[in-house]
C-alpha atoms as a PDB file:
ATOM      1  CA  MET A   1    -138.450 -40.710 -46.777  1.00  0.00           C
ATOM      2  CA  SER A   2    -134.656 -40.853 -47.106  1.00  0.00           C
ATOM      3  CA  CYS A   3    -132.999 -40.321 -50.468  1.00  0.00           C
ATOM      4  CA  ARG A   4    -130.877 -43.111 -51.963  1.00  0.00           C
ATOM      5  CA  VAL A   5    -127.312 -42.799 -53.205  1.00  0.00           C
ATOM      6  CA  PHE A   6    -125.247 -45.521 -54.888  1.00  0.00           C
ATOM      7  CA  ALA A   7    -121.631 -45.340 -53.812  1.00  0.00           C
ATOM      8  CA  GLY A   8    -120.083 -48.346 -55.495  1.00  0.00           C
ATOM      9  CA  ASN A   9    -118.178 -51.020 -53.596  1.00  0.00           C
ATOM     10  CA  ILE A  10    -117.344 -49.140 -50.408  1.00  0.00           C
ATOM     11  CA  LYS A  11    -115.870 -50.981 -47.454  1.00  0.00           C
ATOM     12  CA  LYS A  12    -118.232 -52.488 -44.926  1.00  0.00           C
ATOM     13  CA  MET A  13    -118.969 -50.119 -42.060  1.00  0.00           C
ATOM     14  CA  LYS A  14    -120.660 -50.154 -38.687  1.00  0.00           C
ATOM     15  CA  ALA A  15    -122.941 -47.654 -37.010  1.00  0.00           C
ATOM     16  CA  GLY A  16    -120.973 -44.553 -36.014  1.00  0.00           C
ATOM     17  CA  ALA A  17    -118.559 -44.744 -38.923  1.00  0.00           C
ATOM     18  CA  GLU A  18    -118.022 -41.764 -41.204  1.00  0.00           C
ATOM     19  CA  VAL A  19    -117.918 -41.831 -44.995  1.00  0.00           C
ATOM     20  CA  ARG A  20    -117.148 -39.033 -47.424  1.00  0.00           C
ATOM     21  CA  LEU A  21    -118.903 -38.733 -50.789  1.00  0.00           C
ATOM     22  CA  THR A  22    -117.051 -37.023 -53.631  1.00  0.00           C
ATOM     23  CA  GLY A  23    -117.515 -36.470 -57.355  1.00  0.00           C
ATOM     24  CA  GLU A  24    -120.927 -37.141 -58.884  1.00  0.00           C
ATOM     25  CA  GLU A  25    -122.233 -38.636 -55.641  1.00  0.00           C
ATOM     26  CA  SER A  26    -121.615 -35.458 -53.650  1.00  0.00           C
ATOM     27  CA  LYS A  27    -123.038 -33.328 -56.494  1.00  0.00           C
ATOM     28  CA  TYR A  28    -126.180 -35.461 -56.493  1.00  0.00           C
ATOM     29  CA  VAL A  29    -126.700 -34.978 -52.764  1.00  0.00           C
ATOM     30  CA  ALA A  30    -125.809 -31.293 -52.562  1.00  0.00           C
ATOM     31  CA  ARG A  31    -126.913 -29.870 -55.920  1.00  0.00           C
ATOM     32  CA  VAL A  32    -129.562 -32.205 -57.317  1.00  0.00           C
ATOM     33  CA  LEU A  33    -131.342 -33.236 -54.107  1.00  0.00           C
ATOM     34  CA  ARG A  34    -130.334 -30.004 -52.331  1.00  0.00           C
ATOM     35  CA  LEU A  35    -130.079 -31.792 -49.009  1.00  0.00           C
ATOM     36  CA  LYS A  36    -128.819 -30.070 -45.882  1.00  0.00           C
ATOM     37  CA  GLU A  37    -126.936 -31.028 -42.744  1.00  0.00           C
ATOM     38  CA  GLU A  38    -128.901 -33.427 -40.522  1.00  0.00           C
ATOM     39  CA  ASP A  39    -130.904 -34.717 -43.513  1.00  0.00           C
ATOM     40  CA  ARG A  40    -130.947 -38.482 -43.924  1.00  0.00           C
ATOM     41  CA  VAL A  41    -129.500 -40.483 -46.818  1.00  0.00           C
ATOM     42  CA  ILE A  42    -129.577 -44.197 -47.632  1.00  0.00           C
ATOM     43  CA  LEU A  43    -126.164 -45.193 -48.953  1.00  0.00           C
ATOM     44  CA  SER A  44    -126.201 -48.371 -51.060  1.00  0.00           C
ATOM     45  CA  SER A  45    -122.866 -50.105 -51.479  1.00  0.00           C
ATOM     46  CA  LEU A  46    -124.134 -52.581 -54.126  1.00  0.00           C
ATOM     47  CA  ASP A  47    -123.109 -55.521 -51.909  1.00  0.00           C
ATOM     48  CA  SER A  48    -126.661 -56.014 -50.562  1.00  0.00           C
ATOM     49  CA  LEU A  49    -126.026 -53.632 -47.656  1.00  0.00           C
ATOM     50  CA  GLU A  50    -127.713 -50.301 -47.027  1.00  0.00           C
ATOM     51  CA  TYR A  51    -126.248 -47.673 -44.729  1.00  0.00           C
ATOM     52  CA  HIS A  52    -128.770 -45.277 -43.212  1.00  0.00           C
ATOM     53  CA  CYS A  53    -126.768 -42.101 -42.792  1.00  0.00           C
ATOM     54  CA  ILE A  54    -127.094 -38.571 -41.473  1.00  0.00           C
ATOM     55  CA  ILE A  55    -125.413 -35.702 -43.313  1.00  0.00           C
ATOM     56  CA  LYS A  56    -122.762 -34.288 -41.011  1.00  0.00           C
ATOM     57  CA  ALA A  57    -121.276 -31.661 -43.314  1.00  0.00           C
ATOM     58  CA  ILE A  58    -121.703 -30.401 -46.887  1.00  0.00           C
ATOM     59  CA  GLU A  59    -118.440 -29.027 -48.191  1.00  0.00           C
ATOM     60  CA  LYS A  60    -117.440 -27.520 -51.535  1.00  0.00           C
ATOM     61  CA  LYS A  61    -116.449 -30.796 -53.220  1.00  0.00           C
ATOM     62  CA  SER A  62    -117.615 -33.455 -50.788  1.00  0.00           C
ATOM     63  CA  VAL A  63    -120.340 -34.521 -48.382  1.00  0.00           C
ATOM     64  CA  LEU A  64    -119.547 -36.102 -45.033  1.00  0.00           C
ATOM     65  CA  LEU A  65    -121.971 -38.722 -43.710  1.00  0.00           C
ATOM     66  CA  THR A  66    -122.279 -40.508 -40.385  1.00  0.00           C
ATOM     67  CA  VAL A  67    -123.644 -44.054 -40.435  1.00  0.00           C
ATOM     68  CA  ASP A  68    -126.676 -44.294 -38.163  1.00  0.00           C
ATOM     69  CA  SER A  69    -127.602 -47.934 -38.834  1.00  0.00           C
ATOM     70  CA  VAL A  70    -126.882 -50.786 -41.258  1.00  0.00           C
ATOM     71  CA  ASP A  71    -129.531 -52.843 -43.022  1.00  0.00           C
ATOM     72  CA  GLU A  72    -129.367 -55.882 -45.314  1.00  0.00           C
ATOM     73  CA  PRO A  73    -132.618 -55.770 -47.330  1.00  0.00           C
ATOM     74  CA  ASN A  74    -133.771 -58.593 -49.572  1.00  0.00           C
ATOM     75  CA  ARG A  75    -134.920 -56.832 -52.745  1.00  0.00           C
ATOM     76  CA  GLU A  76    -133.122 -58.852 -55.420  1.00  0.00           C
ATOM     77  CA  SER A  77    -134.909 -61.708 -57.152  1.00  0.00           C
ATOM     78  CA  PRO A  78    -133.653 -65.283 -56.722  1.00  0.00           C
ATOM     79  CA  LEU A  79    -134.021 -65.606 -60.504  1.00  0.00           C
ATOM     80  CA  GLU A  80    -131.226 -63.959 -62.491  1.00  0.00           C
ATOM     81  CA  ILE A  81    -132.829 -62.659 -65.688  1.00  0.00           C
ATOM     82  CA  ILE A  82    -130.672 -61.430 -68.568  1.00  0.00           C
ATOM     83  CA  LEU A  83    -132.654 -59.521 -71.176  1.00  0.00           C
ATOM     84  CA  CYS A  84    -131.295 -59.955 -74.692  1.00  0.00           C
ATOM     85  CA  GLN A  85    -133.051 -57.148 -76.545  1.00  0.00           C
ATOM     86  CA  ALA A  86    -132.970 -56.402 -80.266  1.00  0.00           C
ATOM     87  CA  LEU A  87    -132.397 -52.691 -80.705  1.00  0.00           C
ATOM     88  CA  PRO A  88    -135.741 -50.978 -81.304  1.00  0.00           C
ATOM     89  CA  LYS A  89    -136.427 -47.759 -83.166  1.00  0.00           C
ATOM     90  CA  SER A  90    -136.222 -44.251 -81.686  1.00  0.00           C
ATOM     91  CA  LYS A  91    -135.728 -44.193 -77.895  1.00  0.00           C
ATOM     92  CA  LYS A  92    -137.773 -47.263 -76.981  1.00  0.00           C
ATOM     93  CA  MET A  93    -134.653 -48.844 -75.504  1.00  0.00           C
ATOM     94  CA  ASP A  94    -134.657 -46.117 -72.845  1.00  0.00           C
ATOM     95  CA  LEU A  95    -138.067 -47.269 -71.641  1.00  0.00           C
ATOM     96  CA  ILE A  96    -137.052 -50.932 -71.845  1.00  0.00           C
ATOM     97  CA  VAL A  97    -133.957 -50.400 -69.678  1.00  0.00           C
ATOM     98  CA  GLN A  98    -135.859 -48.340 -67.145  1.00  0.00           C
ATOM     99  CA  LYS A  99    -138.838 -50.650 -66.662  1.00  0.00           C
ATOM    100  CA  ALA A 100    -136.926 -53.921 -66.917  1.00  0.00           C
ATOM    101  CA  THR A 101    -134.612 -52.661 -64.165  1.00  0.00           C
ATOM    102  CA  GLU A 102    -137.669 -51.968 -61.996  1.00  0.00           C
ATOM    103  CA  LEU A 103    -138.880 -55.519 -62.701  1.00  0.00           C
ATOM    104  CA  GLY A 104    -135.612 -56.960 -61.384  1.00  0.00           C
ATOM    105  CA  VAL A 105    -133.588 -57.786 -64.519  1.00  0.00           C
ATOM    106  CA  LYS A 106    -129.947 -58.542 -63.663  1.00  0.00           C
ATOM    107  CA  GLY A 107    -128.379 -57.546 -66.983  1.00  0.00           C
ATOM    108  CA  PHE A 108    -128.916 -56.440 -70.580  1.00  0.00           C
ATOM    109  CA  ILE A 109    -127.424 -57.662 -73.848  1.00  0.00           C
ATOM    110  CA  PRO A 110    -128.515 -55.352 -76.706  1.00  0.00           C
ATOM    111  CA  PHE A 111    -128.125 -56.862 -80.174  1.00  0.00           C
ATOM    112  CA  VAL A 112    -128.834 -56.214 -83.845  1.00  0.00           C
ATOM    113  CA  SER A 113    -130.842 -58.700 -85.907  1.00  0.00           C
ATOM    114  CA  SER A 114    -131.727 -58.816 -89.609  1.00  0.00           C
ATOM    115  CA  ARG A 115    -134.955 -56.856 -89.079  1.00  0.00           C
ATOM    116  CA  ALA A 116    -133.612 -54.466 -86.457  1.00  0.00           C
ATOM    117  CA  ILE A 117    -132.034 -51.051 -86.916  1.00  0.00           C
ATOM    118  CA  SER A 118    -128.414 -50.905 -88.020  1.00  0.00           C
ATOM    119  CA  ARG A 119    -125.624 -51.414 -85.537  1.00  0.00           C
ATOM    120  CA  PRO A 120    -124.388 -48.080 -84.100  1.00  0.00           C
ATOM    121  CA  ASP A 121    -120.767 -47.114 -84.660  1.00  0.00           C
ATOM    122  CA  SER A 122    -118.368 -47.319 -81.732  1.00  0.00           C
ATOM    123  CA  ARG A 123    -118.807 -43.700 -80.637  1.00  0.00           C
ATOM    124  CA  GLU A 124    -122.599 -43.762 -80.951  1.00  0.00           C
ATOM    125  CA  GLY A 125    -122.690 -47.123 -79.204  1.00  0.00           C
ATOM    126  CA  ARG A 126    -120.694 -45.819 -76.241  1.00  0.00           C
ATOM    127  CA  GLU A 127    -122.987 -42.813 -75.938  1.00  0.00           C
ATOM    128  CA  LYS A 128    -126.104 -44.998 -76.005  1.00  0.00           C
ATOM    129  CA  ILE A 129    -124.716 -47.385 -73.395  1.00  0.00           C
ATOM    130  CA  LYS A 130    -123.717 -44.461 -71.185  1.00  0.00           C
ATOM    131  CA  ARG A 131    -127.280 -43.123 -71.349  1.00  0.00           C
ATOM    132  CA  TRP A 132    -128.781 -46.560 -70.669  1.00  0.00           C
ATOM    133  CA  GLU A 133    -126.461 -47.070 -67.699  1.00  0.00           C
ATOM    134  CA  LYS A 134    -127.637 -43.771 -66.250  1.00  0.00           C
ATOM    135  CA  LEU A 135    -131.270 -44.795 -66.738  1.00  0.00           C
ATOM    136  CA  ALA A 136    -130.605 -48.163 -65.077  1.00  0.00           C
ATOM    137  CA  LEU A 137    -128.982 -46.413 -62.109  1.00  0.00           C
ATOM    138  CA  GLU A 138    -131.893 -43.981 -61.740  1.00  0.00           C
ATOM    139  CA  ALA A 139    -134.449 -46.806 -61.998  1.00  0.00           C
ATOM    140  CA  ALA A 140    -132.586 -48.929 -59.442  1.00  0.00           C
ATOM    141  CA  ARG A 141    -132.418 -45.969 -57.087  1.00  0.00           C
ATOM    142  CA  GLN A 142    -136.131 -45.208 -57.520  1.00  0.00           C
ATOM    143  CA  CYS A 143    -137.323 -48.765 -56.823  1.00  0.00           C
ATOM    144  CA  GLY A 144    -134.910 -49.443 -53.961  1.00  0.00           C
ATOM    145  CA  ARG A 145    -132.694 -52.056 -55.567  1.00  0.00           C
ATOM    146  CA  THR A 146    -129.236 -52.780 -54.186  1.00  0.00           C
ATOM    147  CA  PHE A 147    -127.897 -53.742 -57.629  1.00  0.00           C
ATOM    148  CA  ILE A 148    -127.543 -51.811 -60.882  1.00  0.00           C
ATOM    149  CA  PRO A 149    -127.891 -54.168 -63.889  1.00  0.00           C
ATOM    150  CA  PRO A 150    -124.934 -53.876 -66.286  1.00  0.00           C
ATOM    151  CA  ILE A 151    -125.454 -53.259 -69.997  1.00  0.00           C
ATOM    152  CA  ASP A 152    -123.206 -55.065 -72.470  1.00  0.00           C
ATOM    153  CA  GLU A 153    -121.911 -53.611 -75.706  1.00  0.00           C
ATOM    154  CA  VAL A 154    -124.169 -53.966 -78.747  1.00  0.00           C
ATOM    155  CA  ILE A 155    -123.414 -57.163 -80.689  1.00  0.00           C
ATOM    156  CA  SER A 156    -124.893 -58.955 -83.698  1.00  0.00           C
ATOM    157  CA  ILE A 157    -127.417 -61.732 -83.259  1.00  0.00           C
ATOM    158  CA  ASP A 158    -124.889 -64.274 -84.563  1.00  0.00           C
ATOM    159  CA  GLU A 159    -122.350 -63.093 -81.974  1.00  0.00           C
ATOM    160  CA  LEU A 160    -125.073 -63.455 -79.352  1.00  0.00           C
ATOM    161  CA  PHE A 161    -125.805 -67.053 -80.379  1.00  0.00           C
ATOM    162  CA  ILE A 162    -122.115 -67.949 -80.310  1.00  0.00           C
ATOM    163  CA  LYS A 163    -121.801 -66.428 -76.840  1.00  0.00           C
ATOM    164  CA  LEU A 164    -124.879 -68.115 -75.358  1.00  0.00           C
ATOM    165  CA  SER A 165    -124.550 -71.493 -77.099  1.00  0.00           C
ATOM    166  CA  GLN A 166    -121.630 -72.163 -74.762  1.00  0.00           C
ATOM    167  CA  ILE A 167    -123.977 -71.975 -71.758  1.00  0.00           C
ATOM    168  CA  ASP A 168    -125.473 -75.416 -71.230  1.00  0.00           C
ATOM    169  CA  ASP A 169    -126.772 -75.826 -67.690  1.00  0.00           C
ATOM    170  CA  LYS A 170    -129.981 -77.482 -66.508  1.00  0.00           C
ATOM    171  CA  ASP A 171    -130.529 -74.574 -64.091  1.00  0.00           C
ATOM    172  CA  VAL A 172    -130.427 -72.039 -66.950  1.00  0.00           C
ATOM    173  CA  LEU A 173    -133.515 -71.258 -69.023  1.00  0.00           C
ATOM    174  CA  LYS A 174    -133.206 -69.766 -72.519  1.00  0.00           C
ATOM    175  CA  ILE A 175    -136.470 -68.673 -74.144  1.00  0.00           C
ATOM    176  CA  ILE A 176    -137.548 -66.836 -77.289  1.00  0.00           C
ATOM    177  CA  PRO A 177    -141.141 -65.607 -77.643  1.00  0.00           C
ATOM    178  CA  TRP A 178    -142.237 -66.343 -81.229  1.00  0.00           C
ATOM    179  CA  GLU A 179    -145.545 -65.613 -82.920  1.00  0.00           C
ATOM    180  CA  SER A 180    -145.452 -68.876 -84.913  1.00  0.00           C
ATOM    181  CA  GLU A 181    -145.292 -71.004 -81.761  1.00  0.00           C
ATOM    182  CA  ASP A 182    -148.838 -71.918 -80.739  1.00  0.00           C
ATOM    183  CA  LYS A 183    -148.474 -74.756 -78.228  1.00  0.00           C
ATOM    184  CA  GLN A 184    -145.846 -74.239 -75.522  1.00  0.00           C
ATOM    185  CA  GLY A 185    -145.931 -71.277 -73.142  1.00  0.00           C
ATOM    186  CA  LEU A 186    -144.281 -70.472 -69.840  1.00  0.00           C
ATOM    187  CA  LYS A 187    -146.891 -72.419 -67.891  1.00  0.00           C
ATOM    188  CA  GLU A 188    -145.631 -75.635 -69.520  1.00  0.00           C
ATOM    189  CA  LEU A 189    -142.233 -74.946 -67.947  1.00  0.00           C
ATOM    190  CA  SER A 190    -143.489 -73.790 -64.558  1.00  0.00           C
ATOM    191  CA  GLU A 191    -142.963 -77.164 -62.855  1.00  0.00           C
ATOM    192  CA  LYS A 192    -139.230 -76.987 -63.523  1.00  0.00           C
ATOM    193  CA  SER A 193    -136.749 -74.997 -61.468  1.00  0.00           C
ATOM    194  CA  PHE A 194    -134.353 -72.385 -62.822  1.00  0.00           C
ATOM    195  CA  LYS A 195    -131.832 -70.027 -61.252  1.00  0.00           C
ATOM    196  CA  LYS A 196    -130.956 -68.036 -64.357  1.00  0.00           C
ATOM    197  CA  ALA A 197    -132.810 -67.124 -67.542  1.00  0.00           C
ATOM    198  CA  PHE A 198    -131.891 -65.549 -70.865  1.00  0.00           C
ATOM    199  CA  LEU A 199    -134.851 -63.858 -72.530  1.00  0.00           C
ATOM    200  CA  LEU A 200    -134.513 -63.153 -76.262  1.00  0.00           C
ATOM    201  CA  ILE A 201    -136.786 -60.362 -77.511  1.00  0.00           C
ATOM    202  CA  GLY A 202    -136.946 -59.475 -81.208  1.00  0.00           C
ATOM    203  CA  PRO A 203    -137.315 -56.140 -83.018  1.00  0.00           C
ATOM    204  CA  GLU A 204    -140.471 -54.506 -84.384  1.00  0.00           C
ATOM    205  CA  GLY A 205    -140.380 -56.750 -87.456  1.00  0.00           C
ATOM    206  CA  GLY A 206    -139.873 -59.931 -85.462  1.00  0.00           C
ATOM    207  CA  PHE A 207    -137.289 -62.653 -85.971  1.00  0.00           C
ATOM    208  CA  SER A 208    -136.675 -64.266 -89.334  1.00  0.00           C
ATOM    209  CA  PRO A 209    -137.260 -68.057 -89.587  1.00  0.00           C
ATOM    210  CA  GLU A 210    -133.487 -68.505 -89.979  1.00  0.00           C
ATOM    211  CA  GLU A 211    -132.821 -66.628 -86.752  1.00  0.00           C
ATOM    212  CA  VAL A 212    -135.362 -68.732 -84.860  1.00  0.00           C
ATOM    213  CA  GLU A 213    -133.619 -71.894 -86.082  1.00  0.00           C
ATOM    214  CA  LYS A 214    -130.263 -70.517 -84.948  1.00  0.00           C
ATOM    215  CA  ALA A 215    -131.824 -69.670 -81.583  1.00  0.00           C
ATOM    216  CA  LYS A 216    -133.051 -73.258 -81.217  1.00  0.00           C
ATOM    217  CA  ASN A 217    -129.563 -74.547 -82.027  1.00  0.00           C
ATOM    218  CA  ALA A 218    -128.203 -72.243 -79.300  1.00  0.00           C
ATOM    219  CA  GLY A 219    -130.568 -73.816 -76.763  1.00  0.00           C
ATOM    220  CA  PHE A 220    -133.480 -71.364 -76.849  1.00  0.00           C
ATOM    221  CA  ILE A 221    -137.026 -72.651 -76.406  1.00  0.00           C
ATOM    222  CA  PRO A 222    -139.703 -70.938 -78.572  1.00  0.00           C
ATOM    223  CA  LEU A 223    -142.728 -69.863 -76.531  1.00  0.00           C
ATOM    224  CA  THR A 224    -146.133 -68.441 -77.328  1.00  0.00           C
ATOM    225  CA  LEU A 225    -147.410 -65.301 -75.628  1.00  0.00           C
ATOM    226  CA  GLY A 226    -151.003 -65.925 -76.632  1.00  0.00           C
ATOM    227  CA  ASN A 227    -153.163 -64.789 -79.521  1.00  0.00           C
ATOM    228  CA  ARG A 228    -152.172 -61.123 -79.494  1.00  0.00           C
ATOM    229  CA  LEU A 229    -149.024 -59.693 -81.043  1.00  0.00           C
ATOM    230  CA  LEU A 230    -147.100 -57.588 -78.540  1.00  0.00           C
ATOM    231  CA  ARG A 231    -144.782 -54.711 -79.329  1.00  0.00           C
ATOM    232  CA  THR A 232    -141.101 -55.276 -78.703  1.00  0.00           C
ATOM    233  CA  GLU A 233    -141.194 -52.930 -75.690  1.00  0.00           C
ATOM    234  CA  THR A 234    -144.230 -54.779 -74.283  1.00  0.00           C
ATOM    235  CA  ALA A 235    -143.215 -58.398 -74.848  1.00  0.00           C
ATOM    236  CA  GLY A 236    -140.182 -58.240 -72.591  1.00  0.00           C
ATOM    237  CA  PHE A 237    -142.107 -56.685 -69.700  1.00  0.00           C
ATOM    238  CA  ALA A 238    -144.836 -59.332 -70.004  1.00  0.00           C
ATOM    239  CA  VAL A 239    -142.427 -62.278 -69.965  1.00  0.00           C
ATOM    240  CA  ILE A 240    -140.232 -60.835 -67.210  1.00  0.00           C
ATOM    241  CA  SER A 241    -143.291 -60.344 -65.013  1.00  0.00           C
ATOM    242  CA  MET A 242    -144.437 -63.913 -65.604  1.00  0.00           C
ATOM    243  CA  MET A 243    -140.979 -65.335 -64.886  1.00  0.00           C
ATOM    244  CA  GLN A 244    -140.722 -63.310 -61.687  1.00  0.00           C
ATOM    245  CA  TYR A 245    -144.121 -64.648 -60.643  1.00  0.00           C
ATOM    246  CA  ILE A 246    -143.192 -68.287 -61.353  1.00  0.00           C
ATOM    247  CA  TRP A 247    -139.526 -68.420 -60.262  1.00  0.00           C
ATOM    248  CA  GLY A 248    -138.751 -65.011 -58.808  1.00  0.00           C
ATOM    249  CA  ASP A 249    -140.105 -62.692 -56.144  1.00  0.00           C
ATOM    250  CA  MET A 250    -143.355 -61.284 -57.549  1.00  0.00           C
ATOM    251  CA  GLY A 251    -146.780 -62.438 -56.433  1.00  0.00           C
END
């Protein structure tokens, strides 16, 4: 099985072309994977193309590849899911980023709510985002995606509502799982068609009634997830899987 390397937005190439990896990409191939000449590498350009390459030479600060063939796989969901996640305690966000990326999420908006942990300072926030971006890259590489979901800066829940209240499109679904909702679930929306979805997941302590009202005013639909209360790191995975089954590419 060939190893996968993300190389950013490289120019389109044809079979027989040569491409040189430098920086972190060459280190990953030569030092982390410890590949040798004639080993095979899948080079993802993040534009839905995959270049199946053969290592021609491993040099001190670069790796030279020869393109053997070009493929255009279809591994991205037709449903664009943006996960708006209240910051959880400890390192639960690491797991959320990793698994949601595997499930096909197209982006993350981390936020702080009244019952969530405090908002990190600018330096701490940059460090967290850098770690989450690395986890998203590793998860995308592991599951064969051709896209690495971006992670926005941490914002407050009120900033989130202001940002998303401006999005008013019939093809966009905005949902908020809420334990006090006992009638409408995803199956009641399954007959409709959506191209994009914003999923709002609360912290360990849940949303306050005031926040749910603000979410409704911003266009979010409260949904039930059944009779059992799910942890914040479980709820998102459950809803993403259901949305991918109904409107995406699972099942």
